N, C-alpha and C. Protein backbone atom coordinates (compact mmCIF):
# COMPACT_ATOMS: atom_id res chain seq x y z
N UNK A 1 -117.95 -21.21 -5.82
CA UNK A 1 -118.94 -20.47 -6.52
C UNK A 1 -118.37 -19.93 -7.83
N UNK A 2 -117.23 -19.47 -7.71
CA UNK A 2 -116.58 -18.93 -8.88
C UNK A 2 -116.34 -20.05 -9.90
N UNK A 3 -115.95 -21.21 -9.49
CA UNK A 3 -115.73 -22.35 -10.36
C UNK A 3 -117.01 -22.73 -11.07
N UNK A 4 -118.10 -22.66 -10.38
CA UNK A 4 -119.38 -23.00 -10.97
C UNK A 4 -119.78 -22.02 -12.05
N UNK A 5 -119.59 -20.77 -11.84
CA UNK A 5 -119.95 -19.78 -12.86
C UNK A 5 -119.04 -19.88 -14.07
N UNK A 6 -117.78 -20.21 -13.89
CA UNK A 6 -116.84 -20.37 -15.00
C UNK A 6 -117.22 -21.57 -15.84
N UNK A 7 -117.59 -22.66 -15.20
CA UNK A 7 -118.01 -23.86 -15.93
C UNK A 7 -119.28 -23.60 -16.72
N UNK A 8 -120.21 -22.87 -16.15
CA UNK A 8 -121.46 -22.55 -16.85
C UNK A 8 -121.18 -21.70 -18.08
N UNK A 9 -120.27 -20.76 -17.93
CA UNK A 9 -119.91 -19.90 -19.06
C UNK A 9 -119.26 -20.72 -20.17
N UNK A 10 -118.35 -21.59 -19.83
CA UNK A 10 -117.68 -22.44 -20.83
C UNK A 10 -118.67 -23.36 -21.52
N UNK A 11 -119.62 -23.90 -20.77
CA UNK A 11 -120.62 -24.78 -21.35
C UNK A 11 -121.50 -24.05 -22.34
N UNK A 12 -121.88 -22.85 -22.02
CA UNK A 12 -122.73 -22.09 -22.94
C UNK A 12 -121.94 -21.67 -24.19
N UNK A 13 -120.67 -21.34 -24.03
CA UNK A 13 -119.84 -20.97 -25.18
C UNK A 13 -119.58 -22.16 -26.09
N UNK A 14 -119.40 -23.33 -25.51
CA UNK A 14 -119.12 -24.51 -26.32
C UNK A 14 -120.31 -24.87 -27.20
N UNK A 15 -121.51 -24.56 -26.78
CA UNK A 15 -122.69 -24.83 -27.59
C UNK A 15 -122.84 -23.77 -28.67
N UNK A 16 -122.40 -22.56 -28.43
CA UNK A 16 -122.58 -21.47 -29.40
C UNK A 16 -121.50 -21.48 -30.48
N UNK A 17 -120.30 -21.92 -30.20
CA UNK A 17 -119.17 -21.86 -31.15
C UNK A 17 -119.44 -22.71 -32.39
N UNK A 18 -119.89 -23.97 -32.28
CA UNK A 18 -120.13 -24.74 -33.50
C UNK A 18 -121.20 -24.12 -34.39
N UNK A 19 -122.20 -23.50 -33.80
CA UNK A 19 -123.23 -22.88 -34.61
C UNK A 19 -122.67 -21.70 -35.40
N UNK A 20 -121.81 -20.92 -34.80
CA UNK A 20 -121.19 -19.78 -35.47
C UNK A 20 -120.28 -20.27 -36.59
N UNK A 21 -119.51 -21.33 -36.31
CA UNK A 21 -118.59 -21.87 -37.32
C UNK A 21 -119.36 -22.42 -38.52
N UNK A 22 -120.48 -23.11 -38.28
CA UNK A 22 -121.26 -23.65 -39.38
C UNK A 22 -121.84 -22.54 -40.23
N UNK A 23 -122.30 -21.46 -39.59
CA UNK A 23 -122.87 -20.36 -40.35
C UNK A 23 -121.81 -19.71 -41.24
N UNK A 24 -120.59 -19.52 -40.75
CA UNK A 24 -119.51 -18.94 -41.54
C UNK A 24 -119.14 -19.86 -42.69
N UNK A 25 -119.11 -21.17 -42.45
CA UNK A 25 -118.77 -22.12 -43.49
C UNK A 25 -119.82 -22.09 -44.60
N UNK A 26 -121.10 -21.99 -44.24
CA UNK A 26 -122.17 -21.95 -45.23
C UNK A 26 -122.06 -20.70 -46.09
N UNK A 27 -121.85 -19.54 -45.46
CA UNK A 27 -121.76 -18.31 -46.25
C UNK A 27 -120.50 -18.30 -47.08
N UNK A 28 -119.42 -18.90 -46.60
CA UNK A 28 -118.17 -18.97 -47.35
C UNK A 28 -118.32 -19.86 -48.58
N UNK A 29 -119.02 -20.98 -48.46
CA UNK A 29 -119.21 -21.88 -49.59
C UNK A 29 -120.10 -21.23 -50.65
N UNK A 30 -121.09 -20.46 -50.24
CA UNK A 30 -121.94 -19.76 -51.21
C UNK A 30 -121.11 -18.74 -51.99
N UNK A 31 -120.24 -18.05 -51.31
CA UNK A 31 -119.40 -17.06 -51.97
C UNK A 31 -118.44 -17.74 -52.94
N UNK A 32 -117.90 -18.87 -52.57
CA UNK A 32 -116.97 -19.61 -53.43
C UNK A 32 -117.68 -20.09 -54.69
N UNK A 33 -118.89 -20.59 -54.56
CA UNK A 33 -119.63 -21.05 -55.73
C UNK A 33 -119.93 -19.90 -56.68
N UNK A 34 -120.30 -18.78 -56.15
CA UNK A 34 -120.60 -17.62 -56.99
C UNK A 34 -119.33 -17.15 -57.68
N UNK A 35 -118.23 -17.15 -56.97
CA UNK A 35 -116.96 -16.74 -57.55
C UNK A 35 -116.52 -17.73 -58.62
N UNK A 36 -116.71 -19.01 -58.38
CA UNK A 36 -116.32 -20.03 -59.36
C UNK A 36 -117.11 -19.86 -60.64
N UNK A 37 -118.39 -19.51 -60.53
CA UNK A 37 -119.21 -19.29 -61.72
C UNK A 37 -118.69 -18.10 -62.51
N UNK A 38 -118.36 -17.05 -61.84
CA UNK A 38 -117.83 -15.86 -62.51
C UNK A 38 -116.46 -16.16 -63.09
N UNK A 39 -115.62 -16.93 -62.38
CA UNK A 39 -114.28 -17.25 -62.85
C UNK A 39 -114.28 -18.10 -64.11
N UNK A 40 -115.25 -18.99 -64.26
CA UNK A 40 -115.32 -19.81 -65.46
C UNK A 40 -115.55 -18.92 -66.69
N UNK A 41 -116.43 -17.96 -66.59
CA UNK A 41 -116.68 -17.05 -67.70
C UNK A 41 -115.47 -16.17 -67.94
N UNK A 42 -114.88 -15.66 -66.88
CA UNK A 42 -113.70 -14.81 -67.02
C UNK A 42 -112.53 -15.61 -67.54
N UNK A 43 -112.43 -16.88 -67.19
CA UNK A 43 -111.32 -17.71 -67.62
C UNK A 43 -111.35 -17.90 -69.13
N UNK A 44 -112.52 -18.08 -69.71
CA UNK A 44 -112.58 -18.26 -71.16
C UNK A 44 -112.16 -16.98 -71.88
N UNK A 45 -112.52 -15.85 -71.33
CA UNK A 45 -112.11 -14.57 -71.90
C UNK A 45 -110.61 -14.41 -71.73
N UNK A 46 -110.07 -14.80 -70.59
CA UNK A 46 -108.64 -14.69 -70.34
C UNK A 46 -107.85 -15.61 -71.27
N UNK A 47 -108.39 -16.80 -71.55
CA UNK A 47 -107.69 -17.71 -72.46
C UNK A 47 -107.62 -17.12 -73.86
N UNK A 48 -108.68 -16.50 -74.29
CA UNK A 48 -108.68 -15.87 -75.61
C UNK A 48 -107.68 -14.73 -75.66
N UNK A 49 -107.70 -13.90 -74.63
CA UNK A 49 -106.75 -12.79 -74.58
C UNK A 49 -105.33 -13.31 -74.46
N UNK A 50 -105.15 -14.36 -73.67
CA UNK A 50 -103.83 -14.96 -73.51
C UNK A 50 -103.34 -15.53 -74.83
N UNK A 51 -104.22 -16.21 -75.56
CA UNK A 51 -103.86 -16.78 -76.85
C UNK A 51 -103.46 -15.69 -77.84
N UNK A 52 -104.23 -14.61 -77.86
CA UNK A 52 -103.90 -13.49 -78.75
C UNK A 52 -102.57 -12.86 -78.37
N UNK A 53 -102.33 -12.72 -77.07
CA UNK A 53 -101.07 -12.14 -76.60
C UNK A 53 -99.90 -13.05 -76.96
N UNK A 54 -100.09 -14.35 -76.77
CA UNK A 54 -99.03 -15.29 -77.13
C UNK A 54 -98.77 -15.30 -78.63
N UNK A 55 -99.83 -15.19 -79.43
CA UNK A 55 -99.67 -15.13 -80.88
C UNK A 55 -98.89 -13.88 -81.28
N UNK A 56 -99.22 -12.76 -80.65
CA UNK A 56 -98.50 -11.51 -80.93
C UNK A 56 -97.03 -11.61 -80.53
N UNK A 57 -96.79 -12.18 -79.35
CA UNK A 57 -95.41 -12.35 -78.90
C UNK A 57 -94.64 -13.30 -79.81
N UNK A 58 -95.31 -14.37 -80.25
CA UNK A 58 -94.68 -15.31 -81.15
C UNK A 58 -94.29 -14.64 -82.46
N UNK A 59 -95.19 -13.82 -82.99
CA UNK A 59 -94.90 -13.11 -84.23
C UNK A 59 -93.72 -12.16 -84.05
N UNK A 60 -93.69 -11.46 -82.93
CA UNK A 60 -92.58 -10.54 -82.64
C UNK A 60 -91.27 -11.30 -82.54
N UNK A 61 -91.29 -12.43 -81.84
CA UNK A 61 -90.08 -13.23 -81.70
C UNK A 61 -89.64 -13.82 -83.03
N UNK A 62 -90.61 -14.24 -83.86
CA UNK A 62 -90.26 -14.76 -85.18
C UNK A 62 -89.61 -13.68 -86.04
N UNK A 63 -90.15 -12.46 -85.96
CA UNK A 63 -89.56 -11.35 -86.71
C UNK A 63 -88.13 -11.08 -86.24
N UNK A 64 -87.93 -11.10 -84.93
CA UNK A 64 -86.59 -10.89 -84.39
C UNK A 64 -85.64 -12.01 -84.82
N UNK A 65 -86.14 -13.23 -84.81
CA UNK A 65 -85.33 -14.38 -85.23
C UNK A 65 -84.95 -14.25 -86.69
N UNK A 66 -85.91 -13.88 -87.53
CA UNK A 66 -85.61 -13.70 -88.95
C UNK A 66 -84.59 -12.59 -89.17
N UNK A 67 -84.72 -11.51 -88.41
CA UNK A 67 -83.76 -10.41 -88.51
C UNK A 67 -82.36 -10.88 -88.11
N UNK A 68 -82.29 -11.63 -87.01
CA UNK A 68 -80.99 -12.13 -86.56
C UNK A 68 -80.39 -13.11 -87.56
N UNK A 69 -81.22 -13.94 -88.16
CA UNK A 69 -80.72 -14.87 -89.19
C UNK A 69 -80.18 -14.11 -90.39
N UNK A 70 -80.86 -13.05 -90.78
CA UNK A 70 -80.39 -12.23 -91.90
C UNK A 70 -79.05 -11.57 -91.54
N UNK A 71 -78.92 -11.12 -90.30
CA UNK A 71 -77.67 -10.51 -89.86
C UNK A 71 -76.54 -11.53 -89.88
N UNK A 72 -76.82 -12.74 -89.40
CA UNK A 72 -75.81 -13.79 -89.39
C UNK A 72 -75.38 -14.12 -90.82
N UNK A 73 -76.34 -14.21 -91.73
CA UNK A 73 -76.02 -14.50 -93.13
C UNK A 73 -75.14 -13.39 -93.71
N UNK A 74 -75.51 -12.13 -93.45
CA UNK A 74 -74.73 -11.00 -93.94
C UNK A 74 -73.32 -11.03 -93.36
N UNK A 75 -73.22 -11.35 -92.06
CA UNK A 75 -71.90 -11.43 -91.43
C UNK A 75 -71.05 -12.54 -92.05
N UNK A 76 -71.67 -13.66 -92.38
CA UNK A 76 -70.94 -14.75 -93.02
C UNK A 76 -70.43 -14.30 -94.39
N UNK A 77 -71.27 -13.61 -95.15
CA UNK A 77 -70.84 -13.10 -96.45
C UNK A 77 -69.69 -12.11 -96.30
N UNK A 78 -69.81 -11.22 -95.31
CA UNK A 78 -68.74 -10.25 -95.07
C UNK A 78 -67.44 -10.94 -94.64
N UNK A 79 -67.57 -12.01 -93.86
CA UNK A 79 -66.40 -12.76 -93.42
C UNK A 79 -65.70 -13.40 -94.62
N UNK A 80 -66.48 -14.00 -95.53
CA UNK A 80 -65.90 -14.60 -96.73
C UNK A 80 -65.18 -13.55 -97.56
N UNK A 81 -65.80 -12.39 -97.72
CA UNK A 81 -65.18 -11.31 -98.50
C UNK A 81 -63.91 -10.81 -97.80
N UNK A 82 -63.95 -10.72 -96.49
CA UNK A 82 -62.77 -10.29 -95.74
C UNK A 82 -61.63 -11.30 -95.89
N UNK A 83 -61.96 -12.58 -95.91
CA UNK A 83 -60.94 -13.61 -96.10
C UNK A 83 -60.32 -13.50 -97.48
N UNK A 84 -61.14 -13.23 -98.49
CA UNK A 84 -60.62 -13.05 -99.85
C UNK A 84 -59.70 -11.84 -99.90
N UNK A 85 -60.11 -10.74 -99.29
CA UNK A 85 -59.28 -9.54 -99.27
C UNK A 85 -57.98 -9.78 -98.52
N UNK A 86 -58.04 -10.53 -97.44
CA UNK A 86 -56.84 -10.84 -96.67
C UNK A 86 -55.87 -11.66 -97.51
N UNK A 87 -56.39 -12.64 -98.23
CA UNK A 87 -55.53 -13.45 -99.09
C UNK A 87 -54.91 -12.58 -100.19
N UNK A 88 -55.70 -11.68 -100.77
CA UNK A 88 -55.17 -10.78 -101.81
C UNK A 88 -54.11 -9.86 -101.21
N UNK A 89 -54.33 -9.36 -100.02
CA UNK A 89 -53.34 -8.49 -99.36
C UNK A 89 -52.04 -9.24 -99.10
N UNK A 90 -52.15 -10.49 -98.69
CA UNK A 90 -50.94 -11.29 -98.44
C UNK A 90 -50.17 -11.51 -99.74
N UNK A 91 -50.88 -11.77 -100.84
CA UNK A 91 -50.21 -11.93 -102.14
C UNK A 91 -49.51 -10.63 -102.53
N UNK A 92 -50.19 -9.51 -102.34
CA UNK A 92 -49.61 -8.21 -102.70
C UNK A 92 -48.38 -7.92 -101.83
N UNK A 93 -48.46 -8.22 -100.54
CA UNK A 93 -47.31 -8.00 -99.66
C UNK A 93 -46.14 -8.87 -100.07
N UNK A 94 -46.41 -10.14 -100.43
CA UNK A 94 -45.34 -11.03 -100.88
C UNK A 94 -44.71 -10.48 -102.17
N UNK A 95 -45.53 -10.02 -103.09
CA UNK A 95 -45.02 -9.45 -104.34
C UNK A 95 -44.22 -8.18 -104.07
N UNK A 96 -44.70 -7.37 -103.12
CA UNK A 96 -43.99 -6.14 -102.76
C UNK A 96 -42.62 -6.46 -102.17
N UNK A 97 -42.55 -7.46 -101.31
CA UNK A 97 -41.25 -7.86 -100.74
C UNK A 97 -40.32 -8.37 -101.84
N UNK A 98 -40.88 -9.12 -102.77
CA UNK A 98 -40.07 -9.64 -103.89
C UNK A 98 -39.53 -8.47 -104.71
N UNK A 99 -40.39 -7.50 -105.00
CA UNK A 99 -39.96 -6.33 -105.78
C UNK A 99 -38.93 -5.51 -105.02
N UNK A 100 -39.11 -5.37 -103.72
CA UNK A 100 -38.13 -4.66 -102.91
C UNK A 100 -36.78 -5.36 -102.95
N UNK A 101 -36.81 -6.69 -102.90
CA UNK A 101 -35.56 -7.47 -103.01
C UNK A 101 -34.91 -7.25 -104.36
N UNK A 102 -35.70 -7.28 -105.44
CA UNK A 102 -35.16 -7.04 -106.79
C UNK A 102 -34.62 -5.62 -106.90
N UNK A 103 -35.34 -4.67 -106.31
CA UNK A 103 -34.92 -3.28 -106.33
C UNK A 103 -33.58 -3.11 -105.60
N UNK A 104 -33.45 -3.78 -104.46
CA UNK A 104 -32.19 -3.71 -103.71
C UNK A 104 -31.07 -4.32 -104.53
N UNK A 105 -31.35 -5.43 -105.20
CA UNK A 105 -30.34 -6.07 -106.06
C UNK A 105 -29.95 -5.16 -107.22
N UNK A 106 -30.93 -4.52 -107.84
CA UNK A 106 -30.65 -3.59 -108.94
C UNK A 106 -29.86 -2.38 -108.45
N UNK A 107 -30.17 -1.90 -107.27
CA UNK A 107 -29.40 -0.79 -106.69
C UNK A 107 -27.94 -1.19 -106.47
N UNK A 108 -27.73 -2.43 -105.99
CA UNK A 108 -26.36 -2.92 -105.81
C UNK A 108 -25.64 -2.98 -107.16
N UNK A 109 -26.33 -3.48 -108.18
CA UNK A 109 -25.72 -3.57 -109.50
C UNK A 109 -25.41 -2.17 -110.05
N UNK A 110 -26.32 -1.25 -109.85
CA UNK A 110 -26.12 0.12 -110.31
C UNK A 110 -24.92 0.74 -109.60
N UNK A 111 -24.85 0.52 -108.31
CA UNK A 111 -23.73 1.07 -107.55
C UNK A 111 -22.42 0.42 -108.02
N UNK A 112 -22.47 -0.88 -108.27
CA UNK A 112 -21.26 -1.56 -108.75
C UNK A 112 -20.84 -1.01 -110.10
N UNK A 113 -21.81 -0.73 -110.99
CA UNK A 113 -21.49 -0.14 -112.29
C UNK A 113 -20.90 1.25 -112.12
N UNK A 114 -21.45 2.03 -111.21
CA UNK A 114 -20.91 3.37 -110.95
C UNK A 114 -19.47 3.28 -110.45
N UNK A 115 -19.29 2.35 -109.50
CA UNK A 115 -17.95 2.19 -108.95
C UNK A 115 -16.98 1.70 -110.02
N UNK A 116 -17.44 0.86 -110.92
CA UNK A 116 -16.58 0.36 -112.00
C UNK A 116 -16.28 1.46 -113.01
N UNK A 117 -17.20 2.38 -113.21
CA UNK A 117 -17.00 3.45 -114.19
C UNK A 117 -16.11 4.55 -113.63
N UNK A 118 -16.02 4.74 -112.35
CA UNK A 118 -15.20 5.79 -111.77
C UNK A 118 -13.73 5.62 -112.11
N UNK A 119 -13.13 4.46 -111.97
CA UNK A 119 -11.72 4.35 -112.34
C UNK A 119 -11.51 4.55 -113.84
N UNK A 120 -12.48 4.10 -114.62
CA UNK A 120 -12.34 4.30 -116.07
C UNK A 120 -12.41 5.78 -116.40
N UNK A 121 -13.30 6.49 -115.75
CA UNK A 121 -13.42 7.92 -116.01
C UNK A 121 -12.18 8.65 -115.50
N UNK A 122 -11.69 8.23 -114.38
CA UNK A 122 -10.49 8.87 -113.84
C UNK A 122 -9.29 8.55 -114.75
N UNK A 123 -9.22 7.34 -115.20
CA UNK A 123 -8.13 6.95 -116.09
C UNK A 123 -8.28 7.67 -117.42
N UNK A 124 -9.50 7.75 -117.90
CA UNK A 124 -9.73 8.41 -119.18
C UNK A 124 -9.44 9.90 -119.06
N UNK A 125 -9.78 10.50 -117.99
CA UNK A 125 -9.53 11.93 -117.83
C UNK A 125 -8.05 12.19 -117.59
N UNK A 126 -7.31 11.29 -116.98
CA UNK A 126 -5.88 11.46 -116.77
C UNK A 126 -5.11 11.19 -118.06
N UNK A 127 -5.51 10.23 -118.81
CA UNK A 127 -4.81 9.86 -120.03
C UNK A 127 -4.88 10.95 -121.07
N UNK A 128 -6.03 11.50 -121.38
CA UNK A 128 -6.02 12.52 -122.42
C UNK A 128 -5.18 13.72 -122.01
N UNK A 129 -5.12 14.08 -120.80
CA UNK A 129 -4.34 15.23 -120.40
C UNK A 129 -2.86 14.93 -120.52
N UNK A 130 -2.46 13.74 -120.21
CA UNK A 130 -1.06 13.37 -120.31
C UNK A 130 -0.59 13.24 -121.73
N UNK A 131 -1.44 12.98 -122.70
CA UNK A 131 -1.03 12.80 -124.09
C UNK A 131 -0.88 14.14 -124.78
N UNK A 132 -1.45 15.14 -124.29
CA UNK A 132 -1.35 16.44 -124.95
C UNK A 132 -0.12 17.09 -124.60
């Protein structure tokens, strides 16, 4: 008896389920069509807004690119000037070393002259005293 009532229940449910599924599918397709109609209008507005946003972003990026190019150009100019200054500094350092070498040589000559004059002065100072 119980088996019979279970089978009857399943049979009645099997007939009702496809009808419920078809009704949900019909209402779902109506909603999708209405949404698609609204989305087409909204999509054209979104494309315009998207295009304007992309144009604005492109302009911003172009400005940044131009600024960076100007900075790179300025850096290149500064690098060239720094290289010129470095070369001038190296020439000045070489000249300074040369002058220091000449100065050292002149100091040696001066010292040699002083040393050479000391015996003459000592001899000259001893000689006049001895002649008197």
